[in-house]
Structure formats: C-alpha cells, structure tokens
C-alpha atoms as a PDB file:
ATOM      1  CA  MET A   1      52.812 -50.336 -10.584  1.00  0.00           C
ATOM      2  CA  LEU A   2      49.838 -52.468 -12.036  1.00  0.00           C
ATOM      3  CA  GLU A   3      47.694 -50.777  -8.564  1.00  0.00           C
ATOM      4  CA  ASN A   4      49.395 -47.549  -9.116  1.00  0.00           C
ATOM      5  CA  ASN A   5      47.574 -47.575 -12.957  1.00  0.00           C
ATOM      6  CA  LYS A   6      44.716 -48.890 -11.767  1.00  0.00           C
ATOM      7  CA  LYS A   7      44.233 -46.273  -9.091  1.00  0.00           C
ATOM      8  CA  VAL A   8      45.151 -43.404 -11.733  1.00  0.00           C
ATOM      9  CA  THR A   9      42.857 -44.942 -14.262  1.00  0.00           C
ATOM     10  CA  PHE A  10      40.099 -45.099 -11.655  1.00  0.00           C
ATOM     11  CA  LEU A  11      41.209 -41.638 -10.939  1.00  0.00           C
ATOM     12  CA  GLN A  12      40.431 -40.491 -14.366  1.00  0.00           C
ATOM     13  CA  TYR A  13      37.356 -42.274 -14.490  1.00  0.00           C
ATOM     14  CA  LEU A  14      35.999 -40.569 -11.433  1.00  0.00           C
ATOM     15  CA  ASN A  15      37.160 -37.309 -12.251  1.00  0.00           C
ATOM     16  CA  THR A  16      35.452 -37.617 -15.717  1.00  0.00           C
ATOM     17  CA  VAL A  17      32.670 -38.301 -14.188  1.00  0.00           C
ATOM     18  CA  ILE A  18      32.506 -35.830 -11.217  1.00  0.00           C
ATOM     19  CA  LEU A  19      33.650 -33.124 -14.586  1.00  0.00           C
ATOM     20  CA  THR A  20      30.211 -33.639 -16.354  1.00  0.00           C
ATOM     21  CA  ALA A  21      28.278 -33.708 -13.289  1.00  0.00           C
ATOM     22  CA  ILE A  22      29.563 -29.841 -13.321  1.00  0.00           C
ATOM     23  CA  GLY A  23      28.891 -29.269 -16.441  1.00  0.00           C
ATOM     24  CA  ILE A  24      25.538 -30.616 -16.582  1.00  0.00           C
ATOM     25  CA  PHE A  25      24.442 -28.855 -13.001  1.00  0.00           C
ATOM     26  CA  ALA A  26      26.069 -25.675 -15.154  1.00  0.00           C
ATOM     27  CA  ALA A  27      24.308 -25.612 -18.391  1.00  0.00           C
ATOM     28  CA  ILE A  28      20.993 -26.315 -15.774  1.00  0.00           C
ATOM     29  CA  ALA A  29      21.438 -23.199 -14.123  1.00  0.00           C
ATOM     30  CA  VAL A  30      22.796 -21.482 -17.104  1.00  0.00           C
ATOM     31  CA  ILE A  31      19.087 -22.426 -18.863  1.00  0.00           C
ATOM     32  CA  THR A  32      17.452 -21.373 -15.301  1.00  0.00           C
ATOM     33  CA  LEU A  33      19.163 -18.701 -15.048  1.00  0.00           C
ATOM     34  CA  ASP A  34      17.797 -17.713 -18.606  1.00  0.00           C
ATOM     35  CA  LYS A  35      14.693 -18.027 -17.892  1.00  0.00           C
ATOM     36  CA  ILE A  36      14.889 -16.351 -14.766  1.00  0.00           C
ATOM     37  CA  ARG A  37      15.763 -13.246 -16.461  1.00  0.00           C
ATOM     38  CA  ASP A  38      13.243 -13.350 -19.393  1.00  0.00           C
ATOM     39  CA  ASN A  39      10.368 -13.717 -16.702  1.00  0.00           C
ATOM     40  CA  GLN A  40      11.760 -10.637 -15.030  1.00  0.00           C
ATOM     41  CA  SER A  41      11.819  -8.450 -18.000  1.00  0.00           C
ATOM     42  CA  ASP A  42       8.169  -9.313 -18.919  1.00  0.00           C
ATOM     43  CA  PHE A  43       7.098  -8.582 -15.749  1.00  0.00           C
ATOM     44  CA  ALA A  44       9.001  -5.515 -15.942  1.00  0.00           C
ATOM     45  CA  THR A  45       7.397  -4.729 -19.147  1.00  0.00           C
ATOM     46  CA  ARG A  46       3.575  -5.836 -17.738  1.00  0.00           C
ATOM     47  CA  LEU A  47       4.528  -3.427 -14.000  1.00  0.00           C
ATOM     48  CA  VAL A  48       5.600  -0.207 -16.323  1.00  0.00           C
ATOM     49  CA  LYS A  49       2.269  -0.944 -18.370  1.00  0.00           C
ATOM     50  CA  VAL A  50       0.003  -1.081 -14.709  1.00  0.00           C
ATOM     51  CA  GLU A  51       1.925   1.980 -13.232  1.00  0.00           C
ATOM     52  CA  THR A  52       0.866   3.707 -16.903  1.00  0.00           C
ATOM     53  CA  ILE A  53      -2.846   2.190 -16.499  1.00  0.00           C
ATOM     54  CA  GLN A  54      -3.473   2.590 -12.889  1.00  0.00           C
ATOM     55  CA  PRO A  55      -2.927   6.946 -12.802  1.00  0.00           C
ATOM     56  CA  LEU A  56      -5.823   6.932 -16.133  1.00  0.00           C
ATOM     57  CA  ASN A  57      -8.325   4.254 -14.360  1.00  0.00           C
ATOM     58  CA  THR A  58      -7.915   5.939 -10.857  1.00  0.00           C
ATOM     59  CA  THR A  59      -8.886   9.323 -12.918  1.00  0.00           C
ATOM     60  CA  SER A  60     -11.660   7.916 -14.623  1.00  0.00           C
ATOM     61  CA  ILE A  61     -12.879   6.332 -11.795  1.00  0.00           C
ATOM     62  CA  THR A  62     -12.485   9.541  -9.676  1.00  0.00           C
ATOM     63  CA  ASP A  63     -14.743  11.318 -12.507  1.00  0.00           C
ATOM     64  CA  VAL A  64     -17.068   8.475 -13.362  1.00  0.00           C
ATOM     65  CA  SER A  65     -17.885   8.563  -8.656  1.00  0.00           C
ATOM     66  CA  LYS A  66     -18.528  12.520  -9.562  1.00  0.00           C
ATOM     67  CA  ARG A  67     -20.908  12.377 -12.363  1.00  0.00           C
ATOM     68  CA  ILE A  68     -22.876   9.420 -10.350  1.00  0.00           C
ATOM     69  CA  GLY A  69     -23.086  12.261  -7.477  1.00  0.00           C
ATOM     70  CA  VAL A  70     -24.917  14.235  -9.388  1.00  0.00           C
ATOM     71  CA  LEU A  71     -26.722  12.697 -11.190  1.00  0.00           C
ATOM     72  CA  GLU A  72     -27.578  11.007  -7.605  1.00  0.00           C
ATOM     73  CA  SER A  73     -28.031  14.494  -6.228  1.00  0.00           C
ATOM     74  CA  ASN A  74     -30.170  16.056  -9.127  1.00  0.00           C
ATOM     75  CA  TYR A  75     -32.798  12.827  -9.781  1.00  0.00           C
ATOM     76  CA  LEU A  76     -32.706  11.273  -6.304  1.00  0.00           C
ATOM     77  CA  GLU A  77     -36.995  11.209  -6.562  1.00  0.00           C
ATOM     78  CA  LEU A  78     -37.052   9.708 -10.130  1.00  0.00           C
ATOM     79  CA  ILE A  79     -34.452   7.056  -9.420  1.00  0.00           C
ATOM     80  CA  LYS A  80     -36.509   6.147  -5.782  1.00  0.00           C
ATOM     81  CA  SER A  81     -40.046   6.187  -8.292  1.00  0.00           C
ATOM     82  CA  TRP A  82     -38.417   4.005 -10.731  1.00  0.00           C
ATOM     83  CA  VAL A  83     -36.668   1.466  -8.132  1.00  0.00           C
ATOM     84  CA  ASP A  84     -40.326   1.737  -6.856  1.00  0.00           C
ATOM     85  CA  ALA A  85     -42.361   0.896 -10.487  1.00  0.00           C
ATOM     86  CA  ASN A  86     -39.913  -1.873 -11.264  1.00  0.00           C
ATOM     87  CA  TYR A  87     -38.891  -3.662  -7.924  1.00  0.00           C
ATOM     88  CA  ILE A  88     -40.621  -5.555  -5.893  1.00  0.00           C
ATOM     89  CA  ARG A  89     -39.825  -5.434  -2.143  1.00  0.00           C
ATOM     90  CA  LYS A  90     -39.221  -8.203  -0.070  1.00  0.00           C
ATOM     91  CA  PRO A  91     -41.282  -8.488   3.121  1.00  0.00           C
ATOM     92  CA  GLN A  92     -39.157  -7.057   6.414  1.00  0.00           C
ATOM     93  CA  LYS A  93     -39.082  -9.303   9.376  1.00  0.00           C
END
C-alpha cells in the first residue's frame, strides 16, 4: 500500500512537471506566433506601399530618361564644349 502511494505521488509530480512544461511551450508558441503575425501584417503593409510607389517611380524614371535624351540630342555640342572646358582629361595609355 505504501509503495502504491509513493508511485501515485511520483506519477502526480511527474504529470505536473509534464503539464507545466507543455503549458510553458504553448505560451511560448502563442507569443511567437503573435509576433510573427504582427511582422507579417507589417510586411504586407510595406509591400502594398512598394507596389503602389513602384509604378509611379518607373513612370518618373521613364519621363526623366526621355527628357535627358531630348536634351542630349539638342545640346550635345554645348555639353561637349562644357565638359572640355571644365574637366582635365587624363592622358590615355
């Protein structure tokens, strides 16, 4: 009878330790998942902003490239003379 009580008491302690460990791991998992969910939401918001801004930037870059192309073609000689006047060229090897 005494051995049975010792076994039951030991099993109760073991059960308590196992349940406590499971509870701790579950709490850690919930906290981690909550942080992951918040990060994912933040990244989704940033992605939407990038997807919104990217076409605008692409359009702006295209417009600026066209304007520079026009300026280069119209003022190429002026640009060349300005560069020659303002920069010292290194001797070619």
